[in-house]
Amino acid sequence: MTNSNRSPTPNTIPSNDRILRWPEVHQRVGICRSHAHQLVAQGEFPEPIKLGPRASGWLESEINEWLVRRVAESRTDQLRKAGS
């Protein structure tokens, strides 16, 4: 899985898109912070947006898209295994 979501320019961010901080991202995706950063380095998780010297966040739309892809991949894997 590759991250086709490059950091969007300000003109491409919908006005209703929220920036999520880590506690909410963690609650939604269920992985630890270090694993999320490892996946970012591999291009498999959305890159955080730097909000300040000690703060980052993730676009809610990118997290939602990542979750949709993960569910789709999981279902595809399950169907493949069931067909074996």
PDB file of N, CA and C in Angstrom:
ATOM      1  N   MET A   1       0.853  -1.164   0.000  1.00  0.00           N
ATOM      2  CA  MET A   1       0.000   0.000   0.000  1.00  0.00           C
ATOM      3  C   MET A   1       0.899   1.227   0.000  1.00  0.00           C
ATOM      4  N   THR A   2       0.674   2.117  -0.919  1.00  0.00           N
ATOM      5  CA  THR A   2       1.474   3.329  -0.967  1.00  0.00           C
ATOM      6  C   THR A   2       0.601   4.510  -0.617  1.00  0.00           C
ATOM      7  N   ASN A   3       1.223   5.546  -0.141  1.00  0.00           N
ATOM      8  CA  ASN A   3       0.506   6.745   0.246  1.00  0.00           C
ATOM      9  C   ASN A   3       0.429   7.676  -0.948  1.00  0.00           C
ATOM     10  N   SER A   4      -0.719   7.663  -1.634  1.00  0.00           N
ATOM     11  CA  SER A   4      -0.892   8.535  -2.785  1.00  0.00           C
ATOM     12  C   SER A   4      -1.347   9.921  -2.341  1.00  0.00           C
ATOM     13  N   ASN A   5      -1.522  10.104  -1.050  1.00  0.00           N
ATOM     14  CA  ASN A   5      -1.953  11.388  -0.527  1.00  0.00           C
ATOM     15  C   ASN A   5      -0.739  12.224  -0.182  1.00  0.00           C
ATOM     16  N   ARG A   6      -0.254  12.958  -1.125  1.00  0.00           N
ATOM     17  CA  ARG A   6       0.831  13.885  -0.834  1.00  0.00           C
ATOM     18  C   ARG A   6       0.244  15.027  -0.021  1.00  0.00           C
ATOM     19  N   SER A   7       1.078  15.725   0.712  1.00  0.00           N
ATOM     20  CA  SER A   7       0.588  16.847   1.496  1.00  0.00           C
ATOM     21  C   SER A   7      -0.122  17.828   0.586  1.00  0.00           C
ATOM     22  N   PRO A   8      -1.414  18.057   0.845  1.00  0.00           N
ATOM     23  CA  PRO A   8      -2.179  18.926  -0.039  1.00  0.00           C
ATOM     24  C   PRO A   8      -1.770  20.385   0.114  1.00  0.00           C
ATOM     25  N   THR A   9      -2.002  21.129  -0.932  1.00  0.00           N
ATOM     26  CA  THR A   9      -1.776  22.563  -0.850  1.00  0.00           C
ATOM     27  C   THR A   9      -2.996  23.177  -0.176  1.00  0.00           C
ATOM     28  N   PRO A  10      -2.868  24.363   0.392  1.00  0.00           N
ATOM     29  CA  PRO A  10      -4.007  24.980   1.076  1.00  0.00           C
ATOM     30  C   PRO A  10      -5.244  25.098   0.189  1.00  0.00           C
ATOM     31  N   ASN A  11      -5.063  25.219  -1.117  1.00  0.00           N
ATOM     32  CA  ASN A  11      -6.199  25.360  -2.020  1.00  0.00           C
ATOM     33  C   ASN A  11      -6.983  24.069  -2.193  1.00  0.00           C
ATOM     34  N   THR A  12      -6.402  22.909  -1.813  1.00  0.00           N
ATOM     35  CA  THR A  12      -7.087  21.645  -2.022  1.00  0.00           C
ATOM     36  C   THR A  12      -7.705  21.080  -0.749  1.00  0.00           C
ATOM     37  N   ILE A  13      -7.534  21.740   0.379  1.00  0.00           N
ATOM     38  CA  ILE A  13      -8.105  21.263   1.641  1.00  0.00           C
ATOM     39  C   ILE A  13      -9.526  21.804   1.766  1.00  0.00           C
ATOM     40  N   PRO A  14     -10.504  20.886   1.849  1.00  0.00           N
ATOM     41  CA  PRO A  14     -11.889  21.357   2.015  1.00  0.00           C
ATOM     42  C   PRO A  14     -12.018  22.160   3.308  1.00  0.00           C
ATOM     43  N   SER A  15     -12.849  23.175   3.283  1.00  0.00           N
ATOM     44  CA  SER A  15     -12.990  24.041   4.455  1.00  0.00           C
ATOM     45  C   SER A  15     -13.568  23.295   5.652  1.00  0.00           C
ATOM     46  N   ASN A  16     -14.259  22.180   5.413  1.00  0.00           N
ATOM     47  CA  ASN A  16     -14.840  21.434   6.530  1.00  0.00           C
ATOM     48  C   ASN A  16     -13.939  20.295   7.000  1.00  0.00           C
ATOM     49  N   ASP A  17     -12.730  20.171   6.435  1.00  0.00           N
ATOM     50  CA  ASP A  17     -11.794  19.122   6.847  1.00  0.00           C
ATOM     51  C   ASP A  17     -11.152  19.531   8.167  1.00  0.00           C
ATOM     52  N   ARG A  18     -11.207  18.637   9.144  1.00  0.00           N
ATOM     53  CA  ARG A  18     -10.651  18.917  10.461  1.00  0.00           C
ATOM     54  C   ARG A  18      -9.213  18.425  10.539  1.00  0.00           C
ATOM     55  N   ILE A  19      -8.444  19.049  11.404  1.00  0.00           N
ATOM     56  CA  ILE A  19      -7.108  18.563  11.731  1.00  0.00           C
ATOM     57  C   ILE A  19      -7.240  17.812  13.047  1.00  0.00           C
ATOM     58  N   LEU A  20      -6.852  16.540  13.018  1.00  0.00           N
ATOM     59  CA  LEU A  20      -6.952  15.691  14.196  1.00  0.00           C
ATOM     60  C   LEU A  20      -5.601  15.601  14.880  1.00  0.00           C
ATOM     61  N   ARG A  21      -5.596  15.724  16.186  1.00  0.00           N
ATOM     62  CA  ARG A  21      -4.373  15.527  16.960  1.00  0.00           C
ATOM     63  C   ARG A  21      -4.239  14.043  17.268  1.00  0.00           C
ATOM     64  N   TRP A  22      -3.060  13.627  17.742  1.00  0.00           N
ATOM     65  CA  TRP A  22      -2.768  12.213  17.916  1.00  0.00           C
ATOM     66  C   TRP A  22      -3.800  11.444  18.743  1.00  0.00           C
ATOM     67  N   PRO A  23      -4.272  11.926  19.885  1.00  0.00           N
ATOM     68  CA  PRO A  23      -5.216  11.099  20.659  1.00  0.00           C
ATOM     69  C   PRO A  23      -6.450  10.672  19.843  1.00  0.00           C
ATOM     70  N   GLU A  24      -6.964  11.558  19.007  1.00  0.00           N
ATOM     71  CA  GLU A  24      -8.124  11.197  18.192  1.00  0.00           C
ATOM     72  C   GLU A  24      -7.730  10.264  17.045  1.00  0.00           C
ATOM     73  N   VAL A  25      -6.566  10.498  16.455  1.00  0.00           N
ATOM     74  CA  VAL A  25      -6.086   9.599  15.401  1.00  0.00           C
ATOM     75  C   VAL A  25      -5.901   8.198  15.989  1.00  0.00           C
ATOM     76  N   HIS A  26      -5.262   8.123  17.146  1.00  0.00           N
ATOM     77  CA  HIS A  26      -5.031   6.843  17.811  1.00  0.00           C
ATOM     78  C   HIS A  26      -6.351   6.119  18.097  1.00  0.00           C
ATOM     79  N   GLN A  27      -7.322   6.851  18.581  1.00  0.00           N
ATOM     80  CA  GLN A  27      -8.630   6.262  18.879  1.00  0.00           C
ATOM     81  C   GLN A  27      -9.267   5.691  17.611  1.00  0.00           C
ATOM     82  N   ARG A  28      -9.105   6.365  16.499  1.00  0.00           N
ATOM     83  CA  ARG A  28      -9.713   5.919  15.242  1.00  0.00           C
ATOM     84  C   ARG A  28      -8.983   4.762  14.595  1.00  0.00           C
ATOM     85  N   VAL A  29      -7.657   4.788  14.597  1.00  0.00           N
ATOM     86  CA  VAL A  29      -6.907   3.777  13.843  1.00  0.00           C
ATOM     87  C   VAL A  29      -6.420   2.616  14.696  1.00  0.00           C
ATOM     88  N   GLY A  30      -6.290   2.823  15.998  1.00  0.00           N
ATOM     89  CA  GLY A  30      -5.931   1.735  16.890  1.00  0.00           C
ATOM     90  C   GLY A  30      -4.495   1.255  16.810  1.00  0.00           C
ATOM     91  N   ILE A  31      -3.597   2.090  16.312  1.00  0.00           N
ATOM     92  CA  ILE A  31      -2.177   1.724  16.296  1.00  0.00           C
ATOM     93  C   ILE A  31      -1.423   2.725  17.159  1.00  0.00           C
ATOM     94  N   CYS A  32      -0.250   2.317  17.629  1.00  0.00           N
ATOM     95  CA  CYS A  32       0.526   3.221  18.477  1.00  0.00           C
ATOM     96  C   CYS A  32       1.223   4.280  17.620  1.00  0.00           C
ATOM     97  N   ARG A  33       1.646   5.331  18.267  1.00  0.00           N
ATOM     98  CA  ARG A  33       2.271   6.462  17.575  1.00  0.00           C
ATOM     99  C   ARG A  33       3.534   6.044  16.815  1.00  0.00           C
ATOM    100  N   SER A  34       4.371   5.214  17.441  1.00  0.00           N
ATOM    101  CA  SER A  34       5.620   4.822  16.770  1.00  0.00           C
ATOM    102  C   SER A  34       5.327   3.999  15.515  1.00  0.00           C
ATOM    103  N   HIS A  35       4.300   3.153  15.569  1.00  0.00           N
ATOM    104  CA  HIS A  35       3.946   2.373  14.378  1.00  0.00           C
ATOM    105  C   HIS A  35       3.394   3.292  13.286  1.00  0.00           C
ATOM    106  N   ALA A  36       2.607   4.284  13.677  1.00  0.00           N
ATOM    107  CA  ALA A  36       2.088   5.248  12.697  1.00  0.00           C
ATOM    108  C   ALA A  36       3.246   5.960  11.999  1.00  0.00           C
ATOM    109  N   HIS A  37       4.242   6.383  12.762  1.00  0.00           N
ATOM    110  CA  HIS A  37       5.384   7.079  12.156  1.00  0.00           C
ATOM    111  C   HIS A  37       6.220   6.136  11.291  1.00  0.00           C
ATOM    112  N   GLN A  38       6.287   4.877  11.677  1.00  0.00           N
ATOM    113  CA  GLN A  38       6.980   3.890  10.840  1.00  0.00           C
ATOM    114  C   GLN A  38       6.235   3.730   9.513  1.00  0.00           C
ATOM    115  N   LEU A  39       4.906   3.662   9.569  1.00  0.00           N
ATOM    116  CA  LEU A  39       4.115   3.550   8.342  1.00  0.00           C
ATOM    117  C   LEU A  39       4.242   4.801   7.480  1.00  0.00           C
ATOM    118  N   VAL A  40       4.329   5.973   8.107  1.00  0.00           N
ATOM    119  CA  VAL A  40       4.549   7.223   7.354  1.00  0.00           C
ATOM    120  C   VAL A  40       5.872   7.120   6.594  1.00  0.00           C
ATOM    121  N   ALA A  41       6.906   6.650   7.263  1.00  0.00           N
ATOM    122  CA  ALA A  41       8.229   6.532   6.634  1.00  0.00           C
ATOM    123  C   ALA A  41       8.197   5.560   5.457  1.00  0.00           C
ATOM    124  N   GLN A  42       7.307   4.565   5.518  1.00  0.00           N
ATOM    125  CA  GLN A  42       7.170   3.589   4.435  1.00  0.00           C
ATOM    126  C   GLN A  42       6.177   4.051   3.371  1.00  0.00           C
ATOM    127  N   GLY A  43       5.570   5.223   3.580  1.00  0.00           N
ATOM    128  CA  GLY A  43       4.592   5.735   2.626  1.00  0.00           C
ATOM    129  C   GLY A  43       3.247   5.039   2.718  1.00  0.00           C
ATOM    130  N   GLU A  44       2.951   4.448   3.871  1.00  0.00           N
ATOM    131  CA  GLU A  44       1.726   3.680   4.027  1.00  0.00           C
ATOM    132  C   GLU A  44       0.722   4.298   4.990  1.00  0.00           C
ATOM    133  N   PHE A  45       0.980   5.498   5.456  1.00  0.00           N
ATOM    134  CA  PHE A  45       0.076   6.201   6.372  1.00  0.00           C
ATOM    135  C   PHE A  45       0.193   7.686   6.055  1.00  0.00           C
ATOM    136  N   PRO A  46      -0.887   8.431   6.193  1.00  0.00           N
ATOM    137  CA  PRO A  46      -0.819   9.870   5.875  1.00  0.00           C
ATOM    138  C   PRO A  46       0.234  10.600   6.706  1.00  0.00           C
ATOM    139  N   GLU A  47       0.903  11.523   6.058  1.00  0.00           N
ATOM    140  CA  GLU A  47       1.903  12.327   6.753  1.00  0.00           C
ATOM    141  C   GLU A  47       1.221  13.347   7.651  1.00  0.00           C
ATOM    142  N   PRO A  48       1.782  13.568   8.842  1.00  0.00           N
ATOM    143  CA  PRO A  48       1.211  14.607   9.704  1.00  0.00           C
ATOM    144  C   PRO A  48       1.538  15.992   9.161  1.00  0.00           C
ATOM    145  N   ILE A  49       0.748  16.935   9.587  1.00  0.00           N
ATOM    146  CA  ILE A  49       0.957  18.343   9.244  1.00  0.00           C
ATOM    147  C   ILE A  49       1.606  19.002  10.449  1.00  0.00           C
ATOM    148  N   LYS A  50       2.689  19.691  10.235  1.00  0.00           N
ATOM    149  CA  LYS A  50       3.372  20.387  11.328  1.00  0.00           C
ATOM    150  C   LYS A  50       2.563  21.628  11.682  1.00  0.00           C
ATOM    151  N   LEU A  51       2.113  21.713  12.929  1.00  0.00           N
ATOM    152  CA  LEU A  51       1.307  22.845  13.378  1.00  0.00           C
ATOM    153  C   LEU A  51       2.124  23.858  14.161  1.00  0.00           C
ATOM    154  N   GLY A  52       3.244  23.425  14.660  1.00  0.00           N
ATOM    155  CA  GLY A  52       4.110  24.290  15.453  1.00  0.00           C
ATOM    156  C   GLY A  52       5.347  23.510  15.834  1.00  0.00           C
ATOM    157  N   PRO A  53       6.218  24.085  16.664  1.00  0.00           N
ATOM    158  CA  PRO A  53       7.461  23.405  17.030  1.00  0.00           C
ATOM    159  C   PRO A  53       7.240  22.047  17.708  1.00  0.00           C
ATOM    160  N   ARG A  54       6.161  21.915  18.461  1.00  0.00           N
ATOM    161  CA  ARG A  54       5.912  20.673  19.181  1.00  0.00           C
ATOM    162  C   ARG A  54       4.504  20.132  18.944  1.00  0.00           C
ATOM    163  N   ALA A  55       3.924  20.465  17.819  1.00  0.00           N
ATOM    164  CA  ALA A  55       2.554  20.018  17.558  1.00  0.00           C
ATOM    165  C   ALA A  55       2.372  19.612  16.102  1.00  0.00           C
ATOM    166  N   SER A  56       1.691  18.490  15.903  1.00  0.00           N
ATOM    167  CA  SER A  56       1.327  18.062  14.554  1.00  0.00           C
ATOM    168  C   SER A  56      -0.084  17.517  14.595  1.00  0.00           C
ATOM    169  N   GLY A  57      -0.641  17.391  13.412  1.00  0.00           N
ATOM    170  CA  GLY A  57      -1.986  16.840  13.284  1.00  0.00           C
ATOM    171  C   GLY A  57      -2.138  16.183  11.934  1.00  0.00           C
ATOM    172  N   TRP A  58      -3.233  15.490  11.755  1.00  0.00           N
ATOM    173  CA  TRP A  58      -3.529  14.784  10.512  1.00  0.00           C
ATOM    174  C   TRP A  58      -4.856  15.268   9.984  1.00  0.00           C
ATOM    175  N   LEU A  59      -4.971  15.349   8.661  1.00  0.00           N
ATOM    176  CA  LEU A  59      -6.241  15.719   8.062  1.00  0.00           C
ATOM    177  C   LEU A  59      -7.227  14.569   8.238  1.00  0.00           C
ATOM    178  N   GLU A  60      -8.394  14.891   8.723  1.00  0.00           N
ATOM    179  CA  GLU A  60      -9.418  13.880   8.965  1.00  0.00           C
ATOM    180  C   GLU A  60      -9.744  13.113   7.694  1.00  0.00           C
ATOM    181  N   SER A  61      -9.805  13.799   6.562  1.00  0.00           N
ATOM    182  CA  SER A  61     -10.137  13.132   5.296  1.00  0.00           C
ATOM    183  C   SER A  61      -9.077  12.095   4.922  1.00  0.00           C
ATOM    184  N   GLU A  62      -7.796  12.382   5.180  1.00  0.00           N
ATOM    185  CA  GLU A  62      -6.737  11.425   4.867  1.00  0.00           C
ATOM    186  C   GLU A  62      -6.791  10.206   5.785  1.00  0.00           C
ATOM    187  N   ILE A  63      -7.116  10.428   7.052  1.00  0.00           N
ATOM    188  CA  ILE A  63      -7.267   9.304   7.987  1.00  0.00           C
ATOM    189  C   ILE A  63      -8.457   8.448   7.555  1.00  0.00           C
ATOM    190  N   ASN A  64      -9.562   9.088   7.192  1.00  0.00           N
ATOM    191  CA  ASN A  64     -10.736   8.339   6.737  1.00  0.00           C
ATOM    192  C   ASN A  64     -10.425   7.516   5.490  1.00  0.00           C
ATOM    193  N   GLU A  65      -9.708   8.106   4.537  1.00  0.00           N
ATOM    194  CA  GLU A  65      -9.334   7.383   3.317  1.00  0.00           C
ATOM    195  C   GLU A  65      -8.439   6.197   3.644  1.00  0.00           C
ATOM    196  N   TRP A  66      -7.509   6.374   4.577  1.00  0.00           N
ATOM    197  CA  TRP A  66      -6.618   5.290   4.983  1.00  0.00           C
ATOM    198  C   TRP A  66      -7.430   4.140   5.581  1.00  0.00           C
ATOM    199  N   LEU A  67      -8.395   4.486   6.432  1.00  0.00           N
ATOM    200  CA  LEU A  67      -9.235   3.457   7.046  1.00  0.00           C
ATOM    201  C   LEU A  67     -10.054   2.701   5.996  1.00  0.00           C
ATOM    202  N   VAL A  68     -10.601   3.414   5.024  1.00  0.00           N
ATOM    203  CA  VAL A  68     -11.381   2.774   3.959  1.00  0.00           C
ATOM    204  C   VAL A  68     -10.494   1.798   3.184  1.00  0.00           C
ATOM    205  N   ARG A  69      -9.263   2.218   2.864  1.00  0.00           N
ATOM    206  CA  ARG A  69      -8.338   1.322   2.148  1.00  0.00           C
ATOM    207  C   ARG A  69      -7.993   0.095   2.981  1.00  0.00           C
ATOM    208  N   ARG A  70      -7.765   0.298   4.279  1.00  0.00           N
ATOM    209  CA  ARG A  70      -7.431  -0.840   5.143  1.00  0.00           C
ATOM    210  C   ARG A  70      -8.575  -1.847   5.198  1.00  0.00           C
ATOM    211  N   VAL A  71      -9.798  -1.364   5.310  1.00  0.00           N
ATOM    212  CA  VAL A  71     -10.954  -2.264   5.337  1.00  0.00           C
ATOM    213  C   VAL A  71     -11.060  -3.005   4.005  1.00  0.00           C
ATOM    214  N   ALA A  72     -10.910  -2.287   2.896  1.00  0.00           N
ATOM    215  CA  ALA A  72     -11.004  -2.914   1.578  1.00  0.00           C
ATOM    216  C   ALA A  72      -9.925  -3.987   1.412  1.00  0.00           C
ATOM    217  N   GLU A  73      -8.692  -3.686   1.820  1.00  0.00           N
ATOM    218  CA  GLU A  73      -7.603  -4.665   1.720  1.00  0.00           C
ATOM    219  C   GLU A  73      -7.874  -5.877   2.593  1.00  0.00           C
ATOM    220  N   SER A  74      -8.404  -5.640   3.776  1.00  0.00           N
ATOM    221  CA  SER A  74      -8.715  -6.736   4.689  1.00  0.00           C
ATOM    222  C   SER A  74      -9.782  -7.648   4.093  1.00  0.00           C
ATOM    223  N   ARG A  75     -10.807  -7.054   3.500  1.00  0.00           N
ATOM    224  CA  ARG A  75     -11.891  -7.840   2.888  1.00  0.00           C
ATOM    225  C   ARG A  75     -11.375  -8.625   1.688  1.00  0.00           C
ATOM    226  N   THR A  76     -10.509  -8.013   0.896  1.00  0.00           N
ATOM    227  CA  THR A  76      -9.931  -8.690  -0.260  1.00  0.00           C
ATOM    228  C   THR A  76      -9.101  -9.880   0.193  1.00  0.00           C
ATOM    229  N   ASP A  77      -8.304  -9.689   1.241  1.00  0.00           N
ATOM    230  CA  ASP A  77      -7.487 -10.773   1.785  1.00  0.00           C
ATOM    231  C   ASP A  77      -8.367 -11.912   2.301  1.00  0.00           C
ATOM    232  N   GLN A  78      -9.458 -11.574   2.973  1.00  0.00           N
ATOM    233  CA  GLN A  78     -10.357 -12.593   3.505  1.00  0.00           C
ATOM    234  C   GLN A  78     -10.999 -13.390   2.378  1.00  0.00           C
ATOM    235  N   LEU A  79     -11.421 -12.705   1.316  1.00  0.00           N
ATOM    236  CA  LEU A  79     -12.044 -13.396   0.183  1.00  0.00           C
ATOM    237  C   LEU A  79     -11.035 -14.304  -0.504  1.00  0.00           C
ATOM    238  N   ARG A  80      -9.789 -13.826  -0.637  1.00  0.00           N
ATOM    239  CA  ARG A  80      -8.738 -14.611  -1.266  1.00  0.00           C
ATOM    240  C   ARG A  80      -8.469 -15.879  -0.465  1.00  0.00           C
ATOM    241  N   LYS A  81      -8.409 -15.766   0.862  1.00  0.00           N
ATOM    242  CA  LYS A  81      -8.157 -16.923   1.708  1.00  0.00           C
ATOM    243  C   LYS A  81      -9.331 -17.909   1.676  1.00  0.00           C
ATOM    244  N   ALA A  82     -10.555 -17.382   1.627  1.00  0.00           N
ATOM    245  CA  ALA A  82     -11.741 -18.235   1.601  1.00  0.00           C
ATOM    246  C   ALA A  82     -11.827 -19.013   0.288  1.00  0.00           C
ATOM    247  N   GLY A  83     -11.304 -18.430  -0.793  1.00  0.00           N
ATOM    248  CA  GLY A  83     -11.339 -19.071  -2.093  1.00  0.00           C
ATOM    249  C   GLY A  83     -10.248 -20.104  -2.288  1.00  0.00           C
ATOM    250  N   SER A  84      -9.310 -20.166  -1.363  1.00  0.00           N
ATOM    251  CA  SER A  84      -8.176 -21.111  -1.498  1.00  0.00           C
ATOM    252  C   SER A  84      -8.592 -22.527  -1.172  1.00  0.00           C
TER     253      SER A  84
END
